[in-house]
Amino acid sequence: MKLGVFISDFKYDAELLDRIASDETGVFLVHDGVYNAVVKENGKPSPLLEKVSKVFVLKDDLKLRGFAEDAVPSNVEVVDYGDIVDKLMEEYRKVIWL
């Protein structure tokens, strides 16, 4: 089952994500969740980025919070609203918001 997970909070407690994540899980960082893609603590990226293989960050929310796209690590894909809709319709059978 391909699962799309939306995360809109910074410093998200990834306990639930640990239980549901698989190779087919895609995480969409939106609203304040985009901080997980760019803010480092003690020089380390968010552990959330290591839990799944596909991470997407919404470009508009990133820019709204003052971050450039080049601040995003290479393993995170910057997407727009249309890209999210396409991915949800074509790739992910189930979607949840954490």
N, C-alpha and C. Protein backbone atom coordinates (compact mmCIF):
# COMPACT_ATOMS: atom_id res chain seq x y z
N MET A 1 0.85 -1.18 0.00
CA MET A 1 0.00 0.00 0.00
C MET A 1 0.89 1.24 0.00
N LYS A 2 0.72 2.10 -0.97
CA LYS A 2 1.45 3.36 -1.02
C LYS A 2 0.69 4.37 -0.17
N LEU A 3 1.38 4.91 0.82
CA LEU A 3 0.77 5.83 1.78
C LEU A 3 1.41 7.19 1.67
N GLY A 4 0.60 8.23 1.50
CA GLY A 4 1.06 9.61 1.52
C GLY A 4 0.77 10.21 2.88
N VAL A 5 1.78 10.77 3.51
CA VAL A 5 1.64 11.33 4.86
C VAL A 5 1.93 12.83 4.81
N PHE A 6 0.97 13.63 5.23
CA PHE A 6 1.15 15.07 5.31
C PHE A 6 1.57 15.43 6.74
N ILE A 7 2.62 16.23 6.85
CA ILE A 7 3.08 16.70 8.16
C ILE A 7 3.15 18.22 8.10
N SER A 8 2.45 18.86 9.02
CA SER A 8 2.37 20.32 9.02
C SER A 8 2.95 20.96 10.27
N ASP A 9 3.62 20.18 11.10
CA ASP A 9 4.20 20.71 12.33
C ASP A 9 5.71 20.57 12.32
N PHE A 10 6.37 21.53 12.95
CA PHE A 10 7.81 21.45 13.12
C PHE A 10 8.10 20.63 14.38
N LYS A 11 9.21 19.94 14.36
CA LYS A 11 9.60 19.06 15.47
C LYS A 11 8.53 18.02 15.72
N TYR A 12 8.06 17.45 14.63
CA TYR A 12 7.03 16.42 14.71
C TYR A 12 7.58 15.21 15.43
N ASP A 13 6.82 14.69 16.39
CA ASP A 13 7.20 13.46 17.09
C ASP A 13 6.94 12.30 16.14
N ALA A 14 7.99 11.67 15.70
CA ALA A 14 7.90 10.69 14.62
C ALA A 14 7.55 9.29 15.10
N GLU A 15 7.06 9.13 16.31
CA GLU A 15 6.74 7.79 16.81
C GLU A 15 5.72 7.07 15.94
N LEU A 16 4.64 7.75 15.59
CA LEU A 16 3.63 7.13 14.73
C LEU A 16 4.20 6.85 13.34
N LEU A 17 4.98 7.76 12.82
CA LEU A 17 5.59 7.55 11.52
C LEU A 17 6.51 6.34 11.53
N ASP A 18 7.18 6.11 12.66
CA ASP A 18 8.03 4.91 12.80
C ASP A 18 7.22 3.64 12.60
N ARG A 19 6.00 3.65 13.10
CA ARG A 19 5.17 2.44 13.04
C ARG A 19 4.54 2.21 11.66
N ILE A 20 4.31 3.27 10.90
CA ILE A 20 3.60 3.10 9.64
C ILE A 20 4.49 3.24 8.40
N ALA A 21 5.69 3.75 8.56
CA ALA A 21 6.55 4.01 7.40
C ALA A 21 7.02 2.71 6.75
N SER A 22 7.10 2.76 5.43
CA SER A 22 7.63 1.66 4.65
C SER A 22 8.37 2.26 3.46
N ASP A 23 8.86 1.40 2.59
CA ASP A 23 9.54 1.88 1.39
C ASP A 23 8.59 2.63 0.46
N GLU A 24 7.31 2.41 0.64
CA GLU A 24 6.31 3.03 -0.23
C GLU A 24 5.65 4.25 0.39
N THR A 25 6.16 4.73 1.50
CA THR A 25 5.60 5.89 2.17
C THR A 25 6.24 7.16 1.64
N GLY A 26 5.41 8.13 1.31
CA GLY A 26 5.89 9.44 0.88
C GLY A 26 5.42 10.48 1.88
N VAL A 27 6.33 11.34 2.33
CA VAL A 27 5.99 12.38 3.30
C VAL A 27 5.94 13.72 2.58
N PHE A 28 4.85 14.45 2.81
CA PHE A 28 4.65 15.77 2.24
C PHE A 28 4.75 16.79 3.38
N LEU A 29 5.76 17.64 3.32
CA LEU A 29 5.95 18.66 4.36
C LEU A 29 5.28 19.95 3.89
N VAL A 30 4.28 20.38 4.66
CA VAL A 30 3.52 21.58 4.33
C VAL A 30 3.42 22.46 5.57
N HIS A 31 2.98 23.69 5.37
CA HIS A 31 2.85 24.67 6.46
C HIS A 31 4.15 24.70 7.27
N ASP A 32 4.07 24.64 8.59
CA ASP A 32 5.30 24.68 9.42
C ASP A 32 6.11 23.39 9.32
N GLY A 33 5.56 22.38 8.69
CA GLY A 33 6.31 21.14 8.49
C GLY A 33 7.52 21.33 7.60
N VAL A 34 7.55 22.40 6.80
CA VAL A 34 8.70 22.64 5.92
C VAL A 34 9.98 22.89 6.72
N TYR A 35 9.85 23.34 7.96
CA TYR A 35 11.04 23.55 8.80
C TYR A 35 11.82 22.24 8.97
N ASN A 36 11.12 21.12 8.96
CA ASN A 36 11.80 19.82 9.08
C ASN A 36 12.79 19.58 7.94
N ALA A 37 12.57 20.23 6.80
CA ALA A 37 13.45 20.05 5.65
C ALA A 37 14.68 20.95 5.68
N VAL A 38 14.61 22.07 6.41
CA VAL A 38 15.70 23.05 6.31
C VAL A 38 16.41 23.38 7.61
N VAL A 39 15.75 23.22 8.74
CA VAL A 39 16.36 23.59 10.01
C VAL A 39 17.16 22.42 10.57
N LYS A 40 18.38 22.72 10.99
CA LYS A 40 19.24 21.68 11.57
C LYS A 40 19.41 21.95 13.06
N GLU A 41 19.48 20.87 13.82
CA GLU A 41 19.76 20.97 15.25
C GLU A 41 21.08 20.29 15.52
N ASN A 42 21.99 21.00 16.15
CA ASN A 42 23.34 20.48 16.42
C ASN A 42 24.02 20.02 15.14
N GLY A 43 23.76 20.73 14.04
CA GLY A 43 24.38 20.41 12.76
C GLY A 43 23.79 19.22 12.04
N LYS A 44 22.73 18.63 12.57
CA LYS A 44 22.13 17.44 11.96
C LYS A 44 20.74 17.77 11.41
N PRO A 45 20.41 17.19 10.25
CA PRO A 45 19.06 17.39 9.72
C PRO A 45 18.02 16.67 10.58
N SER A 46 16.79 17.01 10.36
CA SER A 46 15.69 16.39 11.08
C SER A 46 15.71 14.88 10.90
N PRO A 47 15.55 14.12 11.98
CA PRO A 47 15.49 12.66 11.86
C PRO A 47 14.32 12.20 10.99
N LEU A 48 13.34 13.05 10.83
CA LEU A 48 12.19 12.74 9.99
C LEU A 48 12.63 12.43 8.56
N LEU A 49 13.68 13.10 8.09
CA LEU A 49 14.15 12.91 6.72
C LEU A 49 14.78 11.55 6.49
N GLU A 50 15.13 10.87 7.57
CA GLU A 50 15.76 9.55 7.46
C GLU A 50 14.76 8.41 7.57
N LYS A 51 13.53 8.71 7.92
CA LYS A 51 12.55 7.67 8.18
C LYS A 51 11.91 7.11 6.92
N VAL A 52 11.85 7.90 5.86
CA VAL A 52 11.23 7.46 4.61
C VAL A 52 12.13 7.84 3.44
N SER A 53 11.92 7.17 2.32
CA SER A 53 12.79 7.43 1.17
C SER A 53 12.30 8.58 0.29
N LYS A 54 11.01 8.89 0.36
CA LYS A 54 10.47 9.97 -0.47
C LYS A 54 9.92 11.08 0.42
N VAL A 55 10.54 12.24 0.33
CA VAL A 55 10.09 13.41 1.08
C VAL A 55 9.90 14.56 0.10
N PHE A 56 8.77 15.22 0.22
CA PHE A 56 8.43 16.35 -0.63
C PHE A 56 8.16 17.56 0.25
N VAL A 57 8.57 18.74 -0.21
CA VAL A 57 8.31 19.96 0.54
C VAL A 57 7.60 20.94 -0.40
N LEU A 58 6.57 21.58 0.13
CA LEU A 58 5.77 22.50 -0.69
C LEU A 58 6.51 23.81 -0.88
N LYS A 59 6.77 24.14 -2.14
CA LYS A 59 7.56 25.32 -2.51
C LYS A 59 6.97 26.61 -1.94
N ASP A 60 5.67 26.80 -2.05
CA ASP A 60 5.05 28.04 -1.57
C ASP A 60 5.21 28.22 -0.07
N ASP A 61 5.05 27.15 0.70
CA ASP A 61 5.21 27.24 2.15
C ASP A 61 6.67 27.48 2.53
N LEU A 62 7.57 26.93 1.76
CA LEU A 62 9.00 27.15 1.98
C LEU A 62 9.34 28.62 1.78
N LYS A 63 8.89 29.19 0.67
CA LYS A 63 9.17 30.60 0.37
C LYS A 63 8.48 31.53 1.36
N LEU A 64 7.26 31.18 1.75
CA LEU A 64 6.51 32.00 2.70
C LEU A 64 7.24 32.15 4.03
N ARG A 65 8.05 31.15 4.37
CA ARG A 65 8.79 31.17 5.62
C ARG A 65 10.22 31.67 5.44
N GLY A 66 10.52 32.20 4.26
CA GLY A 66 11.80 32.85 4.01
C GLY A 66 12.95 31.95 3.61
N PHE A 67 12.67 30.74 3.16
CA PHE A 67 13.73 29.82 2.76
C PHE A 67 13.79 29.70 1.24
N ALA A 68 15.01 29.61 0.73
CA ALA A 68 15.22 29.38 -0.69
C ALA A 68 15.21 27.88 -0.96
N GLU A 69 14.92 27.52 -2.18
CA GLU A 69 14.88 26.10 -2.54
C GLU A 69 16.22 25.42 -2.35
N ASP A 70 17.32 26.17 -2.49
CA ASP A 70 18.64 25.55 -2.35
C ASP A 70 18.99 25.25 -0.89
N ALA A 71 18.14 25.64 0.05
CA ALA A 71 18.34 25.29 1.46
C ALA A 71 17.85 23.88 1.77
N VAL A 72 17.13 23.31 0.83
CA VAL A 72 16.54 21.98 1.00
C VAL A 72 17.58 20.92 0.60
N PRO A 73 17.77 19.89 1.43
CA PRO A 73 18.72 18.83 1.07
C PRO A 73 18.34 18.14 -0.24
N SER A 74 19.32 17.55 -0.88
CA SER A 74 19.09 16.94 -2.19
C SER A 74 18.15 15.74 -2.16
N ASN A 75 17.97 15.12 -0.99
CA ASN A 75 17.06 13.97 -0.91
C ASN A 75 15.60 14.38 -0.69
N VAL A 76 15.33 15.69 -0.68
CA VAL A 76 13.97 16.21 -0.52
C VAL A 76 13.59 16.93 -1.81
N GLU A 77 12.44 16.57 -2.36
CA GLU A 77 11.98 17.17 -3.62
C GLU A 77 11.07 18.36 -3.34
N VAL A 78 11.39 19.50 -3.93
CA VAL A 78 10.55 20.69 -3.81
C VAL A 78 9.46 20.59 -4.86
N VAL A 79 8.20 20.72 -4.41
CA VAL A 79 7.05 20.55 -5.31
C VAL A 79 6.07 21.72 -5.14
N ASP A 80 5.21 21.89 -6.13
CA ASP A 80 4.14 22.88 -6.01
C ASP A 80 2.81 22.15 -5.81
N TYR A 81 1.74 22.90 -5.71
CA TYR A 81 0.43 22.28 -5.44
C TYR A 81 0.04 21.28 -6.52
N GLY A 82 0.28 21.64 -7.77
CA GLY A 82 -0.07 20.74 -8.87
C GLY A 82 0.68 19.42 -8.79
N ASP A 83 1.96 19.48 -8.40
CA ASP A 83 2.76 18.26 -8.25
C ASP A 83 2.17 17.37 -7.15
N ILE A 84 1.75 17.99 -6.05
CA ILE A 84 1.17 17.21 -4.96
C ILE A 84 -0.10 16.50 -5.42
N VAL A 85 -0.96 17.23 -6.12
CA VAL A 85 -2.20 16.62 -6.62
C VAL A 85 -1.87 15.46 -7.55
N ASP A 86 -0.93 15.67 -8.46
CA ASP A 86 -0.55 14.60 -9.38
C ASP A 86 -0.03 13.38 -8.64
N LYS A 87 0.83 13.58 -7.66
CA LYS A 87 1.39 12.46 -6.90
C LYS A 87 0.30 11.73 -6.13
N LEU A 88 -0.62 12.47 -5.54
CA LEU A 88 -1.70 11.83 -4.78
C LEU A 88 -2.62 11.02 -5.69
N MET A 89 -2.91 11.54 -6.86
CA MET A 89 -3.82 10.84 -7.77
C MET A 89 -3.15 9.65 -8.47
N GLU A 90 -1.84 9.75 -8.70
CA GLU A 90 -1.17 8.72 -9.49
C GLU A 90 -0.38 7.71 -8.66
N GLU A 91 0.13 8.13 -7.49
CA GLU A 91 1.06 7.26 -6.76
C GLU A 91 0.57 6.74 -5.42
N TYR A 92 -0.22 7.53 -4.70
CA TYR A 92 -0.55 7.15 -3.32
C TYR A 92 -2.01 6.80 -3.19
N ARG A 93 -2.26 5.57 -2.74
CA ARG A 93 -3.63 5.07 -2.62
C ARG A 93 -4.33 5.56 -1.37
N LYS A 94 -3.54 5.79 -0.32
CA LYS A 94 -4.12 6.27 0.93
C LYS A 94 -3.33 7.48 1.40
N VAL A 95 -4.02 8.40 2.09
CA VAL A 95 -3.40 9.63 2.55
C VAL A 95 -3.83 9.89 3.99
N ILE A 96 -2.88 10.29 4.83
CA ILE A 96 -3.22 10.69 6.19
C ILE A 96 -2.51 11.99 6.51
N TRP A 97 -3.03 12.70 7.49
CA TRP A 97 -2.45 13.96 7.95
C TRP A 97 -2.06 13.77 9.41
N LEU A 98 -0.78 13.96 9.69
CA LEU A 98 -0.29 13.82 11.07
C LEU A 98 0.03 15.17 11.66
